[in-house]
C-alpha atoms as a PDB file:
ATOM      1  CA  MET A   1      13.267 182.472 432.663  1.00  0.00           C
ATOM      2  CA  LEU A   2      10.845 185.560 432.237  1.00  0.00           C
ATOM      3  CA  VAL A   3      11.457 188.102 429.368  1.00  0.00           C
ATOM      4  CA  GLY A   4       9.480 191.434 428.888  1.00  0.00           C
ATOM      5  CA  ASP A   5       8.551 194.878 430.728  1.00  0.00           C
ATOM      6  CA  SER A   6      10.310 195.750 433.564  1.00  0.00           C
ATOM      7  CA  SER A   7       7.476 194.089 435.830  1.00  0.00           C
ATOM      8  CA  THR A   8       4.101 192.881 435.669  1.00  0.00           C
ATOM      9  CA  HIS A   9       1.189 194.810 437.026  1.00  0.00           C
ATOM     10  CA  GLY A  10       1.779 193.726 440.558  1.00  0.00           C
ATOM     11  CA  LYS A  11      -1.590 192.285 441.319  1.00  0.00           C
ATOM     12  CA  GLY A  12      -1.642 189.696 444.005  1.00  0.00           C
ATOM     13  CA  THR A  13      -4.555 189.962 445.673  1.00  0.00           C
ATOM     14  CA  VAL A  14      -8.318 188.440 445.336  1.00  0.00           C
ATOM     15  CA  GLN A  15     -11.312 190.857 445.841  1.00  0.00           C
ATOM     16  CA  SER A  16     -14.861 189.980 446.471  1.00  0.00           C
ATOM     17  CA  VAL A  17     -17.521 192.317 445.247  1.00  0.00           C
ATOM     18  CA  ASN A  18     -20.616 192.409 447.851  1.00  0.00           C
ATOM     19  CA  GLN A  19     -23.850 193.931 446.613  1.00  0.00           C
ATOM     20  CA  LEU A  20     -25.297 196.249 449.362  1.00  0.00           C
ATOM     21  CA  ARG A  21     -28.843 196.075 448.624  1.00  0.00           C
ATOM     22  CA  PRO A  22     -29.553 192.698 450.536  1.00  0.00           C
ATOM     23  CA  TYR A  23     -28.301 194.268 453.583  1.00  0.00           C
ATOM     24  CA  MET A  24     -30.141 197.624 453.476  1.00  0.00           C
ATOM     25  CA  GLN A  25     -32.992 197.485 456.191  1.00  0.00           C
ATOM     26  CA  MET A  26     -35.833 199.546 454.441  1.00  0.00           C
ATOM     27  CA  PRO A  27     -39.888 199.666 455.017  1.00  0.00           C
ATOM     28  CA  ASP A  28     -41.320 197.511 452.338  1.00  0.00           C
ATOM     29  CA  ASN A  29     -37.896 196.374 451.090  1.00  0.00           C
ATOM     30  CA  VAL A  30     -38.332 199.392 448.483  1.00  0.00           C
ATOM     31  CA  LEU A  31     -35.029 201.082 447.650  1.00  0.00           C
ATOM     32  CA  THR A  32     -35.013 204.272 445.725  1.00  0.00           C
ATOM     33  CA  ASN A  33     -31.561 204.309 444.958  1.00  0.00           C
ATOM     34  CA  ASP A  34     -28.899 201.344 444.249  1.00  0.00           C
ATOM     35  CA  PRO A  35     -26.850 201.567 447.244  1.00  0.00           C
ATOM     36  CA  GLY A  36     -24.009 200.142 445.291  1.00  0.00           C
ATOM     37  CA  ALA A  37     -21.243 197.425 446.246  1.00  0.00           C
ATOM     38  CA  LEU A  38     -18.402 196.771 448.519  1.00  0.00           C
ATOM     39  CA  LYS A  39     -15.193 195.381 447.331  1.00  0.00           C
ATOM     40  CA  LEU A  40     -13.187 193.452 449.945  1.00  0.00           C
ATOM     41  CA  THR A  41      -9.640 192.250 449.632  1.00  0.00           C
ATOM     42  CA  ILE A  42     -10.017 188.722 450.555  1.00  0.00           C
ATOM     43  CA  LYS A  43      -6.893 186.776 449.905  1.00  0.00           C
ATOM     44  CA  LYS A  44      -3.260 187.328 448.827  1.00  0.00           C
ATOM     45  CA  PHE A  45      -1.309 184.895 446.698  1.00  0.00           C
ATOM     46  CA  TYR A  46       2.385 184.317 446.334  1.00  0.00           C
ATOM     47  CA  ARG A  47       4.842 182.674 444.151  1.00  0.00           C
ATOM     48  CA  ALA A  48       6.560 179.125 444.998  1.00  0.00           C
ATOM     49  CA  SER A  49       9.497 180.935 446.069  1.00  0.00           C
ATOM     50  CA  GLY A  50       7.064 182.746 448.709  1.00  0.00           C
ATOM     51  CA  ALA A  51       7.548 186.012 447.321  1.00  0.00           C
ATOM     52  CA  SER A  52       4.192 188.224 447.020  1.00  0.00           C
ATOM     53  CA  THR A  53       3.171 189.396 443.451  1.00  0.00           C
ATOM     54  CA  GLN A  54       1.459 192.129 445.162  1.00  0.00           C
ATOM     55  CA  LEU A  55       2.989 195.566 444.577  1.00  0.00           C
ATOM     56  CA  LYS A  56       6.226 194.651 442.846  1.00  0.00           C
ATOM     57  CA  GLY A  57       4.717 192.103 440.550  1.00  0.00           C
ATOM     58  CA  VAL A  58       7.046 189.515 438.542  1.00  0.00           C
ATOM     59  CA  ILE A  59      10.474 190.994 437.810  1.00  0.00           C
ATOM     60  CA  PRO A  60      11.924 189.550 434.262  1.00  0.00           C
ATOM     61  CA  ASP A  61      15.314 187.990 434.054  1.00  0.00           C
ATOM     62  CA  ILE A  62      15.714 190.323 430.967  1.00  0.00           C
ATOM     63  CA  VAL A  63      14.060 193.278 430.417  1.00  0.00           C
ATOM     64  CA  LEU A  64      12.782 194.326 426.890  1.00  0.00           C
ATOM     65  CA  PRO A  65      12.541 198.059 425.727  1.00  0.00           C
ATOM     66  CA  SER A  66       8.715 199.104 426.133  1.00  0.00           C
ATOM     67  CA  VAL A  67       6.830 202.115 426.957  1.00  0.00           C
ATOM     68  CA  PHE A  68       5.411 200.460 430.062  1.00  0.00           C
ATOM     69  CA  ASN A  69       9.174 200.682 431.603  1.00  0.00           C
ATOM     70  CA  GLU A  70       8.925 204.353 431.416  1.00  0.00           C
ATOM     71  CA  SER A  71       5.465 205.175 433.191  1.00  0.00           C
ATOM     72  CA  LYS A  72       5.031 205.213 436.744  1.00  0.00           C
ATOM     73  CA  GLU A  73       1.380 205.525 436.538  1.00  0.00           C
ATOM     74  CA  ILE A  74       1.037 201.860 435.695  1.00  0.00           C
ATOM     75  CA  GLY A  75       0.809 198.982 438.023  1.00  0.00           C
ATOM     76  CA  GLU A  76      -0.572 198.249 441.447  1.00  0.00           C
ATOM     77  CA  ALA A  77       1.835 200.549 442.913  1.00  0.00           C
ATOM     78  CA  SER A  78       0.139 203.514 441.171  1.00  0.00           C
ATOM     79  CA  LEU A  79      -3.313 202.764 442.663  1.00  0.00           C
ATOM     80  CA  ASP A  80      -4.760 204.181 445.842  1.00  0.00           C
ATOM     81  CA  ASN A  81      -4.050 201.976 449.235  1.00  0.00           C
ATOM     82  CA  PRO A  82      -1.920 199.046 447.698  1.00  0.00           C
ATOM     83  CA  LEU A  83      -0.873 196.182 450.191  1.00  0.00           C
ATOM     84  CA  PRO A  84       2.421 195.853 450.871  1.00  0.00           C
ATOM     85  CA  TRP A  85       4.911 193.491 449.482  1.00  0.00           C
ATOM     86  CA  ASP A  86       5.914 190.580 451.637  1.00  0.00           C
ATOM     87  CA  THR A  87       6.965 186.944 451.484  1.00  0.00           C
ATOM     88  CA  ILE A  88       6.090 183.527 453.489  1.00  0.00           C
ATOM     89  CA  PRO A  89       7.753 180.661 453.908  1.00  0.00           C
ATOM     90  CA  SER A  90       8.732 178.773 450.347  1.00  0.00           C
ATOM     91  CA  ALA A  91       7.329 175.749 449.129  1.00  0.00           C
ATOM     92  CA  LYS A  92       9.185 172.880 448.701  1.00  0.00           C
ATOM     93  CA  TYR A  93       9.909 172.571 445.043  1.00  0.00           C
ATOM     94  CA  LYS A  94      12.719 171.658 442.769  1.00  0.00           C
ATOM     95  CA  HIS A  95      14.565 174.744 441.393  1.00  0.00           C
ATOM     96  CA  LEU A  96      15.522 173.605 438.129  1.00  0.00           C
ATOM     97  CA  ASP A  97      17.688 176.594 436.826  1.00  0.00           C
ATOM     98  CA  MET A  98      18.659 175.159 433.480  1.00  0.00           C
ATOM     99  CA  VAL A  99      19.002 178.292 431.894  1.00  0.00           C
ATOM    100  CA  TYR A 100      20.736 180.130 434.604  1.00  0.00           C
ATOM    101  CA  PRO A 101      24.414 179.651 433.465  1.00  0.00           C
ATOM    102  CA  TYR A 102      23.397 181.326 430.062  1.00  0.00           C
ATOM    103  CA  VAL A 103      21.116 184.511 431.733  1.00  0.00           C
ATOM    104  CA  GLN A 104      23.952 186.885 431.471  1.00  0.00           C
ATOM    105  CA  GLU A 105      24.759 186.287 428.016  1.00  0.00           C
ATOM    106  CA  LEU A 106      20.838 186.129 427.032  1.00  0.00           C
ATOM    107  CA  ARG A 107      20.627 189.773 429.015  1.00  0.00           C
ATOM    108  CA  ASN A 108      23.300 191.095 426.656  1.00  0.00           C
ATOM    109  CA  GLY A 109      21.638 189.488 423.663  1.00  0.00           C
ATOM    110  CA  PRO A 110      18.824 191.905 423.186  1.00  0.00           C
ATOM    111  CA  ARG A 111      21.085 194.967 423.122  1.00  0.00           C
ATOM    112  CA  ASN A 112      23.042 193.279 420.626  1.00  0.00           C
ATOM    113  CA  ALA A 113      20.483 192.258 418.580  1.00  0.00           C
ATOM    114  CA  LEU A 114      18.490 195.533 418.767  1.00  0.00           C
ATOM    115  CA  PRO A 115      19.573 196.745 415.708  1.00  0.00           C
ATOM    116  CA  LEU A 116      18.529 193.471 413.869  1.00  0.00           C
ATOM    117  CA  ASN A 117      15.223 193.181 415.362  1.00  0.00           C
ATOM    118  CA  ARG A 118      12.687 196.068 414.434  1.00  0.00           C
ATOM    119  CA  SER A 119      10.065 195.740 416.295  1.00  0.00           C
ATOM    120  CA  LEU A 120      12.308 195.712 419.324  1.00  0.00           C
ATOM    121  CA  LEU A 121      14.188 199.043 417.963  1.00  0.00           C
ATOM    122  CA  LEU A 122      10.881 200.653 417.396  1.00  0.00           C
ATOM    123  CA  SER A 123       9.873 199.924 421.135  1.00  0.00           C
ATOM    124  CA  ALA A 124      13.175 201.490 422.168  1.00  0.00           C
ATOM    125  CA  LYS A 125      12.730 204.717 420.283  1.00  0.00           C
ATOM    126  CA  THR A 126       9.199 204.945 421.443  1.00  0.00           C
ATOM    127  CA  SER A 127      10.580 204.521 424.946  1.00  0.00           C
ATOM    128  CA  ASN A 128      13.257 206.886 424.325  1.00  0.00           C
ATOM    129  CA  SER A 129      10.796 209.637 423.070  1.00  0.00           C
ATOM    130  CA  LEU A 130       8.690 209.206 426.159  1.00  0.00           C
ATOM    131  CA  ARG A 131      11.586 209.612 428.442  1.00  0.00           C
ATOM    132  CA  LYS A 132      12.633 212.847 426.923  1.00  0.00           C
ATOM    133  CA  ARG A 133       9.243 214.261 427.209  1.00  0.00           C
ATOM    134  CA  LYS A 134       8.738 213.210 430.941  1.00  0.00           C
ATOM    135  CA  ALA A 135      12.293 214.634 431.666  1.00  0.00           C
ATOM    136  CA  ASP A 136      11.323 217.975 430.114  1.00  0.00           C
ATOM    137  CA  LYS A 137       9.724 219.890 432.810  1.00  0.00           C
ATOM    138  CA  THR A 138       8.492 222.537 430.608  1.00  0.00           C
ATOM    139  CA  ILE A 139       5.741 223.379 428.448  1.00  0.00           C
ATOM    140  CA  SER A 140       5.041 226.063 425.902  1.00  0.00           C
ATOM    141  CA  LEU A 141       1.965 228.081 426.636  1.00  0.00           C
ATOM    142  CA  ASN A 142       1.834 229.227 422.871  1.00  0.00           C
ATOM    143  CA  GLU A 143      -1.130 227.232 421.553  1.00  0.00           C
ATOM    144  CA  LYS A 144       0.294 227.520 418.064  1.00  0.00           C
ATOM    145  CA  GLN A 145       3.571 225.909 419.405  1.00  0.00           C
ATOM    146  CA  ARG A 146       1.690 223.410 421.318  1.00  0.00           C
ATOM    147  CA  LEU A 147      -0.308 222.110 418.408  1.00  0.00           C
ATOM    148  CA  LYS A 148       2.936 221.960 416.654  1.00  0.00           C
ATOM    149  CA  GLU A 149       4.578 219.725 419.035  1.00  0.00           C
ATOM    150  CA  LYS A 150       1.465 217.628 419.046  1.00  0.00           C
ATOM    151  CA  ASP A 151       1.216 217.323 415.202  1.00  0.00           C
ATOM    152  CA  GLU A 152       5.170 216.071 415.522  1.00  0.00           C
ATOM    153  CA  VAL A 153       4.428 213.455 418.135  1.00  0.00           C
ATOM    154  CA  ASP A 154       1.401 212.350 416.152  1.00  0.00           C
ATOM    155  CA  ALA A 155       3.446 212.183 412.882  1.00  0.00           C
ATOM    156  CA  ARG A 156       6.257 210.319 414.475  1.00  0.00           C
ATOM    157  CA  GLN A 157       3.800 207.730 415.856  1.00  0.00           C
ATOM    158  CA  LYS A 158       2.272 207.249 412.773  1.00  0.00           C
ATOM    159  CA  ALA A 159       5.569 206.644 410.843  1.00  0.00           C
ATOM    160  CA  ARG A 160       6.376 204.156 413.860  1.00  0.00           C
ATOM    161  CA  ASP A 161       3.215 202.664 413.382  1.00  0.00           C
ATOM    162  CA  LYS A 162       3.782 202.304 409.674  1.00  0.00           C
ATOM    163  CA  GLU A 163       7.129 200.531 409.910  1.00  0.00           C
ATOM    164  CA  ARG A 164       5.845 198.263 412.270  1.00  0.00           C
ATOM    165  CA  LEU A 165       3.107 197.392 410.106  1.00  0.00           C
ATOM    166  CA  ALA A 166       5.539 196.819 407.045  1.00  0.00           C
ATOM    167  CA  HIS A 167       7.834 194.971 409.080  1.00  0.00           C
ATOM    168  CA  LYS A 168       7.278 191.338 408.015  1.00  0.00           C
ATOM    169  CA  ALA A 169       8.073 188.689 410.679  1.00  0.00           C
ATOM    170  CA  PRO A 170      11.273 186.734 410.106  1.00  0.00           C
ATOM    171  CA  SER A 171      10.246 183.034 408.661  1.00  0.00           C
ATOM    172  CA  GLU A 172      12.851 181.692 411.241  1.00  0.00           C
ATOM    173  CA  LYS A 173      11.767 181.594 415.064  1.00  0.00           C
ATOM    174  CA  ILE A 174      14.260 184.076 417.199  1.00  0.00           C
ATOM    175  CA  TYR A 175      14.704 183.463 420.822  1.00  0.00           C
END
């Protein structure tokens, strides 16, 4: 079972960085400028299920509140020319699924425990603030108003950071 952000980065390839200097033909082997390097994608890797991690990443069974869930600028899909997601035949492996009967109950658990867990609550507040700011497609052109808004955002973040640092981890393990 995986718990975390809505997805991992989505990196499912291996690159090789090849320096171009050895391949440049110059008289007396003198180069005045470094010709750089060429990065080539040489391999792609897959999970035992046969699914690629490329582009989509690994999707958790339980998604926790996170600012990374709100951003479309994070992950392999946001980069130029990502390779597509695909599958290959699955490997033969024993799929234990010992937690499967409890997944739905566990999915509901973090939402129910949110008021009890300050770290999750702070992450949820930050995510909600980010979502609201991204949804607002207007921006003031008044410098004083913009500086006031920036100060409010900074003050909110400092208060959240202070609250997060003040929160002591519970002595018992929370799963």
